[in-house]
């Protein structure tokens, strides 16, 4: 059975919360700015996905889901080790790019 679009949006919102926790743990001003920018974009993409009629069986959907999982894992690891913050930011950036392409389909 295909996952409802709200499930994907919920995952994006969960990632946004994880990114905000990383923001709290990070002291670098530029990394904090990047994280806030990505949080805003994740919120926008979540809203678009909720509003759209998405097919969970598509390759794009699977790519976004995988991207969310990768970004979430990197973010959780970065919270444990703030030195890996840039890796988490890069994973979030990749997911934001994937989600933005998917949301306009």
PDB file of N, CA and C in Angstrom:
ATOM      1  N   UNK A   1       0.835  -1.170   0.000  1.00  0.00           N
ATOM      2  CA  UNK A   1       0.000   0.000   0.000  1.00  0.00           C
ATOM      3  C   UNK A   1       0.889   1.247   0.000  1.00  0.00           C
ATOM      4  N   UNK A   2       0.580   2.219  -0.817  1.00  0.00           N
ATOM      5  CA  UNK A   2       1.386   3.430  -0.943  1.00  0.00           C
ATOM      6  C   UNK A   2       1.234   4.302   0.302  1.00  0.00           C
ATOM      7  N   UNK A   3       2.364   4.917   0.676  1.00  0.00           N
ATOM      8  CA  UNK A   3       2.350   5.823   1.821  1.00  0.00           C
ATOM      9  C   UNK A   3       1.653   7.117   1.438  1.00  0.00           C
ATOM     10  N   UNK A   4       0.909   7.684   2.347  1.00  0.00           N
ATOM     11  CA  UNK A   4       0.213   8.937   2.081  1.00  0.00           C
ATOM     12  C   UNK A   4       1.223  10.081   2.015  1.00  0.00           C
ATOM     13  N   UNK A   5       0.949  11.114   1.199  1.00  0.00           N
ATOM     14  CA  UNK A   5       1.865  12.248   1.121  1.00  0.00           C
ATOM     15  C   UNK A   5       2.155  12.889   2.472  1.00  0.00           C
ATOM     16  N   UNK A   6       1.182  12.892   3.360  1.00  0.00           N
ATOM     17  CA  UNK A   6       1.389  13.489   4.679  1.00  0.00           C
ATOM     18  C   UNK A   6       2.522  12.769   5.410  1.00  0.00           C
ATOM     19  N   UNK A   7       2.732  11.483   5.164  1.00  0.00           N
ATOM     20  CA  UNK A   7       3.830  10.750   5.792  1.00  0.00           C
ATOM     21  C   UNK A   7       5.172  11.324   5.392  1.00  0.00           C
ATOM     22  N   UNK A   8       5.335  11.658   4.136  1.00  0.00           N
ATOM     23  CA  UNK A   8       6.574  12.259   3.667  1.00  0.00           C
ATOM     24  C   UNK A   8       6.740  13.649   4.265  1.00  0.00           C
ATOM     25  N   UNK A   9       5.689  14.419   4.296  1.00  0.00           N
ATOM     26  CA  UNK A   9       5.746  15.759   4.886  1.00  0.00           C
ATOM     27  C   UNK A   9       6.103  15.663   6.368  1.00  0.00           C
ATOM     28  N   UNK A  10       5.533  14.702   7.049  1.00  0.00           N
ATOM     29  CA  UNK A  10       5.835  14.532   8.472  1.00  0.00           C
ATOM     30  C   UNK A  10       7.318  14.224   8.653  1.00  0.00           C
ATOM     31  N   UNK A  11       7.882  13.411   7.781  1.00  0.00           N
ATOM     32  CA  UNK A  11       9.317  13.105   7.865  1.00  0.00           C
ATOM     33  C   UNK A  11      10.158  14.363   7.665  1.00  0.00           C
ATOM     34  N   UNK A  12       9.737  15.206   6.727  1.00  0.00           N
ATOM     35  CA  UNK A  12      10.458  16.471   6.519  1.00  0.00           C
ATOM     36  C   UNK A  12      10.370  17.345   7.764  1.00  0.00           C
ATOM     37  N   UNK A  13       9.213  17.375   8.398  1.00  0.00           N
ATOM     38  CA  UNK A  13       9.057  18.174   9.622  1.00  0.00           C
ATOM     39  C   UNK A  13       9.902  17.603  10.763  1.00  0.00           C
ATOM     40  N   UNK A  14       9.992  16.273  10.831  1.00  0.00           N
ATOM     41  CA  UNK A  14      10.857  15.652  11.847  1.00  0.00           C
ATOM     42  C   UNK A  14      12.308  16.045  11.615  1.00  0.00           C
ATOM     43  N   UNK A  15      12.732  16.036  10.360  1.00  0.00           N
ATOM     44  CA  UNK A  15      14.094  16.445  10.032  1.00  0.00           C
ATOM     45  C   UNK A  15      14.306  17.912  10.400  1.00  0.00           C
ATOM     46  N   UNK A  16      13.305  18.722  10.188  1.00  0.00           N
ATOM     47  CA  UNK A  16      13.408  20.136  10.551  1.00  0.00           C
ATOM     48  C   UNK A  16      13.641  20.265  12.062  1.00  0.00           C
ATOM     49  N   UNK A  17      12.928  19.500  12.858  1.00  0.00           N
ATOM     50  CA  UNK A  17      13.124  19.537  14.310  1.00  0.00           C
ATOM     51  C   UNK A  17      14.536  19.088  14.681  1.00  0.00           C
ATOM     52  N   UNK A  18      15.044  18.051  14.001  1.00  0.00           N
ATOM     53  CA  UNK A  18      16.409  17.586  14.269  1.00  0.00           C
ATOM     54  C   UNK A  18      17.427  18.668  13.896  1.00  0.00           C
ATOM     55  N   UNK A  19      17.195  19.346  12.791  1.00  0.00           N
ATOM     56  CA  UNK A  19      18.097  20.425  12.374  1.00  0.00           C
ATOM     57  C   UNK A  19      18.086  21.564  13.393  1.00  0.00           C
ATOM     58  N   UNK A  20      16.933  21.837  13.979  1.00  0.00           N
ATOM     59  CA  UNK A  20      16.865  22.870  15.018  1.00  0.00           C
ATOM     60  C   UNK A  20      17.617  22.448  16.279  1.00  0.00           C
ATOM     61  N   UNK A  21      17.590  21.157  16.605  1.00  0.00           N
ATOM     62  CA  UNK A  21      18.377  20.676  17.743  1.00  0.00           C
ATOM     63  C   UNK A  21      19.865  20.830  17.442  1.00  0.00           C
ATOM     64  N   UNK A  22      20.251  20.551  16.200  1.00  0.00           N
ATOM     65  CA  UNK A  22      21.640  20.736  15.805  1.00  0.00           C
ATOM     66  C   UNK A  22      22.011  22.217  15.874  1.00  0.00           C
ATOM     67  N   UNK A  23      21.096  23.074  15.472  1.00  0.00           N
ATOM     68  CA  UNK A  23      21.310  24.523  15.572  1.00  0.00           C
ATOM     69  C   UNK A  23      21.643  24.901  17.017  1.00  0.00           C
ATOM     70  N   UNK A  24      20.885  24.357  17.956  1.00  0.00           N
ATOM     71  CA  UNK A  24      21.123  24.654  19.368  1.00  0.00           C
ATOM     72  C   UNK A  24      22.489  24.168  19.836  1.00  0.00           C
ATOM     73  N   UNK A  25      22.969  23.067  19.261  1.00  0.00           N
ATOM     74  CA  UNK A  25      24.246  22.492  19.679  1.00  0.00           C
ATOM     75  C   UNK A  25      25.445  23.125  18.973  1.00  0.00           C
ATOM     76  N   UNK A  26      25.198  23.884  17.921  1.00  0.00           N
ATOM     77  CA  UNK A  26      26.266  24.451  17.103  1.00  0.00           C
ATOM     78  C   UNK A  26      26.567  25.877  17.538  1.00  0.00           C
ATOM     79  N   UNK A  27      27.841  26.212  17.576  1.00  0.00           N
ATOM     80  CA  UNK A  27      28.249  27.563  17.965  1.00  0.00           C
ATOM     81  C   UNK A  27      28.667  28.405  16.761  1.00  0.00           C
ATOM     82  N   UNK A  28      29.034  27.775  15.657  1.00  0.00           N
ATOM     83  CA  UNK A  28      29.506  28.493  14.467  1.00  0.00           C
ATOM     84  C   UNK A  28      28.369  29.302  13.839  1.00  0.00           C
ATOM     85  N   UNK A  29      28.586  30.597  13.665  1.00  0.00           N
ATOM     86  CA  UNK A  29      27.555  31.505  13.163  1.00  0.00           C
ATOM     87  C   UNK A  29      27.094  31.136  11.762  1.00  0.00           C
ATOM     88  N   UNK A  30      28.009  30.815  10.873  1.00  0.00           N
ATOM     89  CA  UNK A  30      27.644  30.476   9.490  1.00  0.00           C
ATOM     90  C   UNK A  30      26.861  29.167   9.437  1.00  0.00           C
ATOM     91  N   UNK A  31      27.279  28.182  10.204  1.00  0.00           N
ATOM     92  CA  UNK A  31      26.544  26.914  10.237  1.00  0.00           C
ATOM     93  C   UNK A  31      25.138  27.125  10.800  1.00  0.00           C
ATOM     94  N   UNK A  32      25.012  27.959  11.802  1.00  0.00           N
ATOM     95  CA  UNK A  32      23.691  28.255  12.365  1.00  0.00           C
ATOM     96  C   UNK A  32      22.803  28.940  11.324  1.00  0.00           C
ATOM     97  N   UNK A  33      23.375  29.859  10.562  1.00  0.00           N
ATOM     98  CA  UNK A  33      22.617  30.554   9.514  1.00  0.00           C
ATOM     99  C   UNK A  33      22.143  29.562   8.458  1.00  0.00           C
ATOM    100  N   UNK A  34      23.045  28.665   8.039  1.00  0.00           N
ATOM    101  CA  UNK A  34      22.679  27.654   7.042  1.00  0.00           C
ATOM    102  C   UNK A  34      21.562  26.763   7.560  1.00  0.00           C
ATOM    103  N   UNK A  35      21.672  26.338   8.793  1.00  0.00           N
ATOM    104  CA  UNK A  35      20.654  25.457   9.362  1.00  0.00           C
ATOM    105  C   UNK A  35      19.287  26.138   9.413  1.00  0.00           C
ATOM    106  N   UNK A  36      19.246  27.406   9.804  1.00  0.00           N
ATOM    107  CA  UNK A  36      17.962  28.121   9.830  1.00  0.00           C
ATOM    108  C   UNK A  36      17.384  28.259   8.429  1.00  0.00           C
ATOM    109  N   UNK A  37      18.243  28.517   7.456  1.00  0.00           N
ATOM    110  CA  UNK A  37      17.780  28.631   6.063  1.00  0.00           C
ATOM    111  C   UNK A  37      17.181  27.307   5.595  1.00  0.00           C
ATOM    112  N   UNK A  38      17.847  26.210   5.913  1.00  0.00           N
ATOM    113  CA  UNK A  38      17.329  24.902   5.509  1.00  0.00           C
ATOM    114  C   UNK A  38      16.042  24.566   6.250  1.00  0.00           C
ATOM    115  N   UNK A  39      15.936  24.961   7.496  1.00  0.00           N
ATOM    116  CA  UNK A  39      14.691  24.724   8.240  1.00  0.00           C
ATOM    117  C   UNK A  39      13.520  25.438   7.581  1.00  0.00           C
ATOM    118  N   UNK A  40      13.749  26.668   7.159  1.00  0.00           N
ATOM    119  CA  UNK A  40      12.692  27.407   6.456  1.00  0.00           C
ATOM    120  C   UNK A  40      12.298  26.690   5.174  1.00  0.00           C
ATOM    121  N   UNK A  41      13.285  26.225   4.420  1.00  0.00           N
ATOM    122  CA  UNK A  41      13.010  25.542   3.159  1.00  0.00           C
ATOM    123  C   UNK A  41      12.295  24.217   3.406  1.00  0.00           C
ATOM    124  N   UNK A  42      12.715  23.478   4.426  1.00  0.00           N
ATOM    125  CA  UNK A  42      12.038  22.218   4.755  1.00  0.00           C
ATOM    126  C   UNK A  42      10.576  22.467   5.105  1.00  0.00           C
ATOM    127  N   UNK A  43      10.285  23.531   5.821  1.00  0.00           N
ATOM    128  CA  UNK A  43       8.904  23.863   6.166  1.00  0.00           C
ATOM    129  C   UNK A  43       8.097  24.153   4.903  1.00  0.00           C
ATOM    130  N   UNK A  44       8.680  24.910   3.990  1.00  0.00           N
ATOM    131  CA  UNK A  44       7.993  25.211   2.728  1.00  0.00           C
ATOM    132  C   UNK A  44       7.727  23.938   1.931  1.00  0.00           C
ATOM    133  N   UNK A  45       8.727  23.064   1.836  1.00  0.00           N
ATOM    134  CA  UNK A  45       8.565  21.827   1.074  1.00  0.00           C
ATOM    135  C   UNK A  45       7.526  20.923   1.726  1.00  0.00           C
ATOM    136  N   UNK A  46       7.496  20.883   3.044  1.00  0.00           N
ATOM    137  CA  UNK A  46       6.489  20.083   3.746  1.00  0.00           C
ATOM    138  C   UNK A  46       5.092  20.552   3.375  1.00  0.00           C
ATOM    139  N   UNK A  47       4.894  21.863   3.372  1.00  0.00           N
ATOM    140  CA  UNK A  47       3.581  22.404   3.017  1.00  0.00           C
ATOM    141  C   UNK A  47       3.211  22.069   1.575  1.00  0.00           C
ATOM    142  N   UNK A  48       4.146  22.162   0.670  1.00  0.00           N
ATOM    143  CA  UNK A  48       3.866  21.827  -0.734  1.00  0.00           C
ATOM    144  C   UNK A  48       3.499  20.359  -0.888  1.00  0.00           C
ATOM    145  N   UNK A  49       4.222  19.507  -0.183  1.00  0.00           N
ATOM    146  CA  UNK A  49       3.956  18.068  -0.289  1.00  0.00           C
ATOM    147  C   UNK A  49       2.593  17.734   0.296  1.00  0.00           C
ATOM    148  N   UNK A  50       2.240  18.366   1.400  1.00  0.00           N
ATOM    149  CA  UNK A  50       0.921  18.143   1.997  1.00  0.00           C
ATOM    150  C   UNK A  50      -0.170  18.548   1.014  1.00  0.00           C
ATOM    151  N   UNK A  51       0.031  19.660   0.326  1.00  0.00           N
ATOM    152  CA  UNK A  51      -0.968  20.172  -0.606  1.00  0.00           C
ATOM    153  C   UNK A  51      -1.042  19.374  -1.914  1.00  0.00           C
ATOM    154  N   UNK A  52       0.028  18.685  -2.244  1.00  0.00           N
ATOM    155  CA  UNK A  52       0.091  17.973  -3.526  1.00  0.00           C
ATOM    156  C   UNK A  52      -0.480  16.565  -3.402  1.00  0.00           C
ATOM    157  N   UNK A  53      -0.868  16.020  -4.533  1.00  0.00           N
ATOM    158  CA  UNK A  53      -1.315  14.636  -4.596  1.00  0.00           C
ATOM    159  C   UNK A  53      -0.135  13.825  -5.110  1.00  0.00           C
ATOM    160  N   UNK A  54       0.654  13.253  -4.195  1.00  0.00           N
ATOM    161  CA  UNK A  54       1.898  12.604  -4.568  1.00  0.00           C
ATOM    162  C   UNK A  54       1.730  11.091  -4.613  1.00  0.00           C
ATOM    163  N   UNK A  55       2.418  10.498  -5.523  1.00  0.00           N
ATOM    164  CA  UNK A  55       2.391   9.055  -5.675  1.00  0.00           C
ATOM    165  C   UNK A  55       3.631   8.475  -5.003  1.00  0.00           C
ATOM    166  N   UNK A  56       3.422   7.738  -3.924  1.00  0.00           N
ATOM    167  CA  UNK A  56       4.525   7.193  -3.153  1.00  0.00           C
ATOM    168  C   UNK A  56       5.293   6.110  -3.912  1.00  0.00           C
ATOM    169  N   UNK A  57       4.801   5.658  -5.037  1.00  0.00           N
ATOM    170  CA  UNK A  57       5.479   4.610  -5.789  1.00  0.00           C
ATOM    171  C   UNK A  57       6.519   5.173  -6.758  1.00  0.00           C
ATOM    172  N   UNK A  58       6.596   6.477  -6.902  1.00  0.00           N
ATOM    173  CA  UNK A  58       7.517   7.040  -7.890  1.00  0.00           C
ATOM    174  C   UNK A  58       8.958   6.993  -7.409  1.00  0.00           C
ATOM    175  N   UNK A  59       9.861   6.989  -8.360  1.00  0.00           N
ATOM    176  CA  UNK A  59      11.293   7.002  -8.065  1.00  0.00           C
ATOM    177  C   UNK A  59      11.675   8.275  -7.311  1.00  0.00           C
ATOM    178  N   UNK A  60      11.082   9.399  -7.681  1.00  0.00           N
ATOM    179  CA  UNK A  60      11.389  10.662  -7.008  1.00  0.00           C
ATOM    180  C   UNK A  60      11.021  10.593  -5.531  1.00  0.00           C
ATOM    181  N   UNK A  61       9.880  10.004  -5.235  1.00  0.00           N
ATOM    182  CA  UNK A  61       9.433   9.862  -3.849  1.00  0.00           C
ATOM    183  C   UNK A  61      10.442   9.030  -3.067  1.00  0.00           C
ATOM    184  N   UNK A  62      10.879   7.930  -3.665  1.00  0.00           N
ATOM    185  CA  UNK A  62      11.866   7.069  -2.994  1.00  0.00           C
ATOM    186  C   UNK A  62      13.174   7.818  -2.771  1.00  0.00           C
ATOM    187  N   UNK A  63      13.589   8.651  -3.719  1.00  0.00           N
ATOM    188  CA  UNK A  63      14.820   9.430  -3.561  1.00  0.00           C
ATOM    189  C   UNK A  63      14.686  10.412  -2.398  1.00  0.00           C
ATOM    190  N   UNK A  64      13.538  11.077  -2.316  1.00  0.00           N
ATOM    191  CA  UNK A  64      13.330  12.022  -1.219  1.00  0.00           C
ATOM    192  C   UNK A  64      13.304  11.281   0.115  1.00  0.00           C
ATOM    193  N   UNK A  65      12.632  10.146   0.172  1.00  0.00           N
ATOM    194  CA  UNK A  65      12.577   9.369   1.403  1.00  0.00           C
ATOM    195  C   UNK A  65      13.974   8.941   1.834  1.00  0.00           C
ATOM    196  N   UNK A  66      14.779   8.466   0.902  1.00  0.00           N
ATOM    197  CA  UNK A  66      16.152   8.086   1.209  1.00  0.00           C
ATOM    198  C   UNK A  66      16.957   9.300   1.657  1.00  0.00           C
ATOM    199  N   UNK A  67      16.752  10.433   0.994  1.00  0.00           N
ATOM    200  CA  UNK A  67      17.441  11.655   1.380  1.00  0.00           C
ATOM    201  C   UNK A  67      17.094  12.092   2.790  1.00  0.00           C
ATOM    202  N   UNK A  68      15.826  11.944   3.161  1.00  0.00           N
ATOM    203  CA  UNK A  68      15.400  12.285   4.521  1.00  0.00           C
ATOM    204  C   UNK A  68      16.116  11.390   5.528  1.00  0.00           C
ATOM    205  N   UNK A  69      16.158  10.095   5.231  1.00  0.00           N
ATOM    206  CA  UNK A  69      16.816   9.157   6.140  1.00  0.00           C
ATOM    207  C   UNK A  69      18.291   9.497   6.290  1.00  0.00           C
ATOM    208  N   UNK A  70      18.976   9.798   5.169  1.00  0.00           N
ATOM    209  CA  UNK A  70      20.400  10.148   5.206  1.00  0.00           C
ATOM    210  C   UNK A  70      20.627  11.434   5.996  1.00  0.00           C
ATOM    211  N   UNK A  71      19.810  12.444   5.720  1.00  0.00           N
ATOM    212  CA  UNK A  71      19.968  13.726   6.407  1.00  0.00           C
ATOM    213  C   UNK A  71      19.655  13.589   7.900  1.00  0.00           C
ATOM    214  N   UNK A  72      18.651  12.801   8.237  1.00  0.00           N
ATOM    215  CA  UNK A  72      18.302  12.598   9.650  1.00  0.00           C
ATOM    216  C   UNK A  72      19.437  11.905  10.396  1.00  0.00           C
ATOM    217  N   UNK A  73      19.992  10.886   9.784  1.00  0.00           N
ATOM    218  CA  UNK A  73      21.095  10.170  10.418  1.00  0.00           C
ATOM    219  C   UNK A  73      22.299  11.092  10.601  1.00  0.00           C
ATOM    220  N   UNK A  74      22.639  11.849   9.571  1.00  0.00           N
ATOM    221  CA  UNK A  74      23.772  12.771   9.668  1.00  0.00           C
ATOM    222  C   UNK A  74      23.532  13.832  10.733  1.00  0.00           C
ATOM    223  N   UNK A  75      22.300  14.297  10.843  1.00  0.00           N
ATOM    224  CA  UNK A  75      21.966  15.314  11.836  1.00  0.00           C
ATOM    225  C   UNK A  75      22.075  14.755  13.245  1.00  0.00           C
ATOM    226  N   UNK A  76      21.559  13.545  13.453  1.00  0.00           N
ATOM    227  CA  UNK A  76      21.657  12.933  14.784  1.00  0.00           C
ATOM    228  C   UNK A  76      23.117  12.705  15.175  1.00  0.00           C
ATOM    229  N   UNK A  77      23.934  12.266  14.221  1.00  0.00           N
ATOM    230  CA  UNK A  77      25.357  12.069  14.489  1.00  0.00           C
ATOM    231  C   UNK A  77      26.039  13.397  14.797  1.00  0.00           C
ATOM    232  N   UNK A  78      25.670  14.445  14.079  1.00  0.00           N
ATOM    233  CA  UNK A  78      26.279  15.756  14.296  1.00  0.00           C
ATOM    234  C   UNK A  78      25.933  16.307  15.670  1.00  0.00           C
ATOM    235  N   UNK A  79      24.731  16.015  16.148  1.00  0.00           N
ATOM    236  CA  UNK A  79      24.356  16.465  17.490  1.00  0.00           C
ATOM    237  C   UNK A  79      25.277  15.808  18.514  1.00  0.00           C
ATOM    238  N   UNK A  80      25.631  14.546  18.280  1.00  0.00           N
ATOM    239  CA  UNK A  80      26.547  13.845  19.185  1.00  0.00           C
ATOM    240  C   UNK A  80      27.961  14.400  19.069  1.00  0.00           C
ATOM    241  N   UNK A  81      28.362  14.775  17.873  1.00  0.00           N
ATOM    242  CA  UNK A  81      29.719  15.249  17.603  1.00  0.00           C
ATOM    243  C   UNK A  81      29.617  16.507  16.754  1.00  0.00           C
ATOM    244  N   UNK A  82      29.640  17.646  17.394  1.00  0.00           N
ATOM    245  CA  UNK A  82      29.405  18.912  16.709  1.00  0.00           C
ATOM    246  C   UNK A  82      30.398  19.132  15.569  1.00  0.00           C
ATOM    247  N   UNK A  83      31.536  18.479  15.588  1.00  0.00           N
ATOM    248  CA  UNK A  83      32.503  18.631  14.501  1.00  0.00           C
ATOM    249  C   UNK A  83      31.958  18.117  13.176  1.00  0.00           C
ATOM    250  N   UNK A  84      30.983  17.241  13.229  1.00  0.00           N
ATOM    251  CA  UNK A  84      30.416  16.711  11.989  1.00  0.00           C
ATOM    252  C   UNK A  84      29.215  17.523  11.521  1.00  0.00           C
ATOM    253  N   UNK A  85      29.067  18.719  12.041  1.00  0.00           N
ATOM    254  CA  UNK A  85      27.937  19.574  11.676  1.00  0.00           C
ATOM    255  C   UNK A  85      27.905  19.853  10.183  1.00  0.00           C
ATOM    256  N   UNK A  86      29.047  20.127   9.577  1.00  0.00           N
ATOM    257  CA  UNK A  86      29.062  20.443   8.147  1.00  0.00           C
ATOM    258  C   UNK A  86      28.572  19.265   7.313  1.00  0.00           C
ATOM    259  N   UNK A  87      28.881  18.046   7.730  1.00  0.00           N
ATOM    260  CA  UNK A  87      28.386  16.868   7.016  1.00  0.00           C
ATOM    261  C   UNK A  87      26.852  16.808   7.086  1.00  0.00           C
ATOM    262  N   UNK A  88      26.298  17.135   8.238  1.00  0.00           N
ATOM    263  CA  UNK A  88      24.841  17.146   8.379  1.00  0.00           C
ATOM    264  C   UNK A  88      24.234  18.247   7.533  1.00  0.00           C
ATOM    265  N   UNK A  89      24.854  19.413   7.532  1.00  0.00           N
ATOM    266  CA  UNK A  89      24.351  20.520   6.713  1.00  0.00           C
ATOM    267  C   UNK A  89      24.372  20.131   5.241  1.00  0.00           C
ATOM    268  N   UNK A  90      25.430  19.457   4.808  1.00  0.00           N
ATOM    269  CA  UNK A  90      25.509  19.015   3.411  1.00  0.00           C
ATOM    270  C   UNK A  90      24.417  17.998   3.089  1.00  0.00           C
ATOM    271  N   UNK A  91      24.144  17.079   4.010  1.00  0.00           N
ATOM    272  CA  UNK A  91      23.082  16.084   3.786  1.00  0.00           C
ATOM    273  C   UNK A  91      21.718  16.762   3.727  1.00  0.00           C
ATOM    274  N   UNK A  92      21.494  17.744   4.601  1.00  0.00           N
ATOM    275  CA  UNK A  92      20.224  18.475   4.582  1.00  0.00           C
ATOM    276  C   UNK A  92      20.089  19.249   3.277  1.00  0.00           C
ATOM    277  N   UNK A  93      21.180  19.876   2.840  1.00  0.00           N
ATOM    278  CA  UNK A  93      21.150  20.640   1.587  1.00  0.00           C
ATOM    279  C   UNK A  93      20.787  19.738   0.409  1.00  0.00           C
ATOM    280  N   UNK A  94      21.361  18.549   0.381  1.00  0.00           N
ATOM    281  CA  UNK A  94      21.060  17.602  -0.695  1.00  0.00           C
ATOM    282  C   UNK A  94      19.577  17.219  -0.654  1.00  0.00           C
ATOM    283  N   UNK A  95      19.054  16.971   0.539  1.00  0.00           N
ATOM    284  CA  UNK A  95      17.648  16.614   0.681  1.00  0.00           C
ATOM    285  C   UNK A  95      16.756  17.777   0.279  1.00  0.00           C
ATOM    286  N   UNK A  96      17.105  19.000   0.670  1.00  0.00           N
ATOM    287  CA  UNK A  96      16.306  20.172   0.310  1.00  0.00           C
ATOM    288  C   UNK A  96      16.225  20.290  -1.209  1.00  0.00           C
ATOM    289  N   UNK A  97      17.340  20.056  -1.879  1.00  0.00           N
ATOM    290  CA  UNK A  97      17.357  20.107  -3.341  1.00  0.00           C
ATOM    291  C   UNK A  97      16.439  19.033  -3.932  1.00  0.00           C
ATOM    292  N   UNK A  98      16.541  17.809  -3.431  1.00  0.00           N
ATOM    293  CA  UNK A  98      15.674  16.717  -3.909  1.00  0.00           C
ATOM    294  C   UNK A  98      14.199  17.025  -3.642  1.00  0.00           C
ATOM    295  N   UNK A  99      13.899  17.484  -2.446  1.00  0.00           N
ATOM    296  CA  UNK A  99      12.509  17.744  -2.076  1.00  0.00           C
ATOM    297  C   UNK A  99      11.926  18.894  -2.898  1.00  0.00           C
ATOM    298  N   UNK A 100      12.737  19.899  -3.169  1.00  0.00           N
ATOM    299  CA  UNK A 100      12.212  21.022  -3.943  1.00  0.00           C
ATOM    300  C   UNK A 100      11.891  20.596  -5.373  1.00  0.00           C
ATOM    301  N   UNK A 101      12.699  19.723  -5.944  1.00  0.00           N
ATOM    302  CA  UNK A 101      12.414  19.208  -7.297  1.00  0.00           C
ATOM    303  C   UNK A 101      11.175  18.329  -7.266  1.00  0.00           C
ATOM    304  N   UNK A 102      11.024  17.535  -6.217  1.00  0.00           N
ATOM    305  CA  UNK A 102       9.898  16.625  -6.114  1.00  0.00           C
ATOM    306  C   UNK A 102       8.600  17.372  -5.887  1.00  0.00           C
ATOM    307  N   UNK A 103       8.632  18.417  -5.084  1.00  0.00           N
ATOM    308  CA  UNK A 103       7.414  19.151  -4.745  1.00  0.00           C
ATOM    309  C   UNK A 103       6.805  19.863  -5.929  1.00  0.00           C
ATOM    310  N   UNK A 104       7.590  20.141  -6.976  1.00  0.00           N
ATOM    311  CA  UNK A 104       7.044  20.849  -8.126  1.00  0.00           C
ATOM    312  C   UNK A 104       6.553  19.897  -9.207  1.00  0.00           C
ATOM    313  N   UNK A 105       6.732  18.601  -9.017  1.00  0.00           N
ATOM    314  CA  UNK A 105       6.264  17.628 -10.022  1.00  0.00           C
ATOM    315  C   UNK A 105       4.769  17.598 -10.110  1.00  0.00           C
TER     316      UNK A 105
END
